Amino acid sequence: MAEGSIWVDADACPKVIREMLYRAAERTGVTVTLVANQALLHPRIPSLRLLQVSSGFDVADNEIVKCVTAGDLVITADIPLAAEVIAKGGEALNPRGERYSPDTIRGVLMMRDFMDTMRSSANVGGGPPPLTQADRNAFASHLDKWLARRSGSS
């Protein structure tokens, strides 16, 4: 049996990315667990699960950290969550296709903290730009590489 599951910080995950994950679950049988504090419509796929948690700050993140094991992949744009996943031996991938690693996560956390400071001082505003085709392609590429490693075909 193949190792590794996919955990999705689903409340903030773009629909197009969730749809890619549904197709991966259907095609490969990998267990994909959507963790959200609200009900989500999703297709009926044997290896697809929805774990609904209560509302509250970091409730979904804490549940993912509790459940993730070494070799799992977590889909999240939440950098502190990604850092915790990496510390547990998991892998983390941003919906924009940025793979977080033990080598890069500290610098990414520092940049996040810097940008938080800039936003709070009103020097920077706005949210992230819309997801581009290049973002989707980068995400799909990293997902395919993880799936290939998981199945032993790489």
Protein backbone atom coordinates (compact mmCIF):
# COMPACT_ATOMS: atom_id res chain seq x y z
CA MET A 1 0.00 0.00 0.00
CA ALA A 2 1.26 3.48 -0.86
CA GLU A 3 2.30 5.82 1.91
CA GLY A 4 1.20 9.39 2.51
CA SER A 5 -2.08 11.23 2.55
CA ILE A 6 -3.06 14.73 1.50
CA TRP A 7 -4.54 17.15 4.04
CA VAL A 8 -6.17 20.33 2.76
CA ASP A 9 -6.62 23.55 4.72
CA ALA A 10 -9.90 23.75 2.82
CA ASP A 11 -11.57 26.92 4.11
CA ALA A 12 -9.15 29.10 2.14
CA CYS A 13 -8.23 26.68 -0.65
CA PRO A 14 -9.34 27.91 -4.08
CA LYS A 15 -12.01 25.79 -5.76
CA VAL A 16 -9.84 25.13 -8.82
CA ILE A 17 -7.13 23.65 -6.56
CA ARG A 18 -9.66 21.50 -4.67
CA GLU A 19 -10.90 20.21 -8.06
CA MET A 20 -7.34 19.18 -8.99
CA LEU A 21 -7.12 17.31 -5.70
CA TYR A 22 -10.46 15.57 -6.35
CA ARG A 23 -9.14 14.35 -9.70
CA ALA A 24 -5.91 13.13 -8.04
CA ALA A 25 -7.93 11.23 -5.42
CA GLU A 26 -10.08 9.63 -8.08
CA ARG A 27 -7.15 8.79 -10.37
CA THR A 28 -4.68 7.48 -7.77
CA GLY A 29 -6.76 6.52 -4.73
CA VAL A 30 -4.69 8.78 -2.47
CA THR A 31 -6.59 9.76 0.66
CA VAL A 32 -7.47 13.45 0.48
CA THR A 33 -8.94 14.98 3.63
CA LEU A 34 -10.52 18.42 3.43
CA VAL A 35 -10.38 20.08 6.85
CA ALA A 36 -12.82 22.98 7.14
CA ASN A 37 -15.02 24.72 9.66
CA GLN A 38 -17.93 24.75 7.23
CA ALA A 39 -19.67 22.16 5.09
CA LEU A 40 -18.18 21.90 1.61
CA LEU A 41 -19.79 20.40 -1.45
CA HIS A 42 -17.52 17.72 -2.84
CA PRO A 43 -17.82 14.74 -5.17
CA ARG A 44 -18.32 11.22 -3.86
CA ILE A 45 -14.92 9.61 -4.22
CA PRO A 46 -14.00 6.68 -1.95
CA SER A 47 -10.67 8.22 -0.87
CA LEU A 48 -12.03 11.76 -0.34
CA ARG A 49 -13.07 12.81 3.16
CA LEU A 50 -14.40 15.97 4.77
CA LEU A 51 -13.38 16.64 8.35
CA GLN A 52 -15.55 19.48 9.63
CA VAL A 53 -14.19 21.21 12.72
CA SER A 54 -15.73 23.89 14.90
CA SER A 55 -15.26 27.55 14.03
CA GLY A 56 -12.49 29.45 15.71
CA PHE A 57 -9.00 30.77 15.24
CA ASP A 58 -6.62 28.04 14.01
CA VAL A 59 -9.05 25.17 14.82
CA ALA A 60 -8.63 23.61 11.35
CA ASP A 61 -4.85 24.21 11.44
CA ASN A 62 -4.54 22.55 14.85
CA GLU A 63 -6.52 19.53 13.64
CA ILE A 64 -4.26 19.15 10.61
CA VAL A 65 -1.12 19.35 12.78
CA LYS A 66 -2.61 16.75 15.15
CA CYS A 67 -3.38 14.32 12.30
CA VAL A 68 -0.48 14.78 9.87
CA THR A 69 2.30 12.21 9.83
CA ALA A 70 5.71 12.09 8.16
CA GLY A 71 5.33 11.73 4.40
CA ASP A 72 1.92 13.43 4.24
CA LEU A 73 1.33 16.46 2.04
CA VAL A 74 -0.55 19.50 3.36
CA ILE A 75 -2.07 22.04 1.01
CA THR A 76 -2.09 25.44 2.71
CA ALA A 77 -1.25 29.09 2.24
CA ASP A 78 -0.85 29.39 6.03
CA ILE A 79 2.89 29.70 6.57
CA PRO A 80 2.93 28.95 10.33
CA LEU A 81 0.87 25.80 9.61
CA ALA A 82 3.34 24.83 6.88
CA ALA A 83 6.21 25.26 9.37
CA GLU A 84 4.51 22.95 11.89
CA VAL A 85 3.84 20.34 9.19
CA ILE A 86 7.48 20.41 8.09
CA ALA A 87 8.59 20.06 11.72
CA LYS A 88 6.54 16.83 11.90
CA GLY A 89 8.17 15.43 8.74
CA GLY A 90 5.34 16.29 6.37
CA GLU A 91 5.48 18.33 3.20
CA ALA A 92 3.62 21.58 2.54
CA LEU A 93 2.49 23.06 -0.74
CA ASN A 94 0.89 26.46 -1.26
CA PRO A 95 -2.14 26.57 -3.63
CA ARG A 96 -0.01 28.88 -5.81
CA GLY A 97 2.48 26.08 -6.35
CA GLU A 98 5.16 27.17 -3.87
CA ARG A 99 6.60 24.15 -2.08
CA TYR A 100 7.75 24.87 1.43
CA SER A 101 10.78 22.91 2.61
CA PRO A 102 12.98 22.71 5.71
CA ASP A 103 15.50 24.84 3.79
CA THR A 104 13.07 27.64 2.88
CA ILE A 105 10.44 27.80 5.62
CA ARG A 106 12.43 30.00 8.04
CA GLY A 107 12.97 32.69 5.38
CA VAL A 108 9.31 32.49 4.32
CA LEU A 109 8.21 32.90 7.97
CA MET A 110 10.50 35.92 8.38
CA MET A 111 9.07 37.53 5.21
CA ARG A 112 5.52 36.86 6.43
CA ASP A 113 6.26 38.53 9.76
CA PHE A 114 7.85 41.49 7.98
CA MET A 115 4.81 41.90 5.71
CA ASP A 116 2.47 41.66 8.73
CA THR A 117 4.41 44.53 10.30
CA MET A 118 4.20 46.55 7.09
CA ARG A 119 0.44 45.95 6.79
CA SER A 120 -0.17 46.92 10.41
CA SER A 121 1.69 50.19 9.85
CA ALA A 122 -0.48 50.84 6.75
CA ASN A 123 2.50 50.75 4.39
CA VAL A 124 1.16 47.75 2.47
CA GLY A 125 -2.42 46.84 1.76
CA GLY A 126 -4.63 44.45 -0.10
CA GLY A 127 -4.72 40.71 -0.31
CA PRO A 128 -2.99 38.29 -2.60
CA PRO A 129 -3.40 38.63 -6.37
CA PRO A 130 -5.78 36.28 -8.20
CA LEU A 131 -4.58 32.75 -8.91
CA THR A 132 -2.96 32.64 -12.35
CA GLN A 133 -2.61 29.82 -14.86
CA ALA A 134 1.11 29.73 -14.01
CA ASP A 135 0.18 29.25 -10.32
CA ARG A 136 -2.15 26.38 -11.23
CA ASN A 137 0.51 24.79 -13.43
CA ALA A 138 3.14 25.05 -10.67
CA PHE A 139 0.71 23.50 -8.17
CA ALA A 140 -0.15 20.64 -10.55
CA SER A 141 3.54 19.98 -11.23
CA HIS A 142 4.44 19.73 -7.52
CA LEU A 143 1.36 17.59 -6.83
CA ASP A 144 2.26 15.21 -9.65
CA LYS A 145 5.85 14.92 -8.36
CA TRP A 146 4.60 14.13 -4.83
CA LEU A 147 2.14 11.54 -6.17
CA ALA A 148 4.90 9.93 -8.28
CA ARG A 149 7.24 9.70 -5.24
CA ARG A 150 4.39 8.28 -3.16
CA SER A 151 3.66 5.54 -5.69
CA GLY A 152 7.35 4.74 -6.15
CA SER A 153 7.36 5.54 -9.86
CA SER A 154 9.93 8.27 -9.52
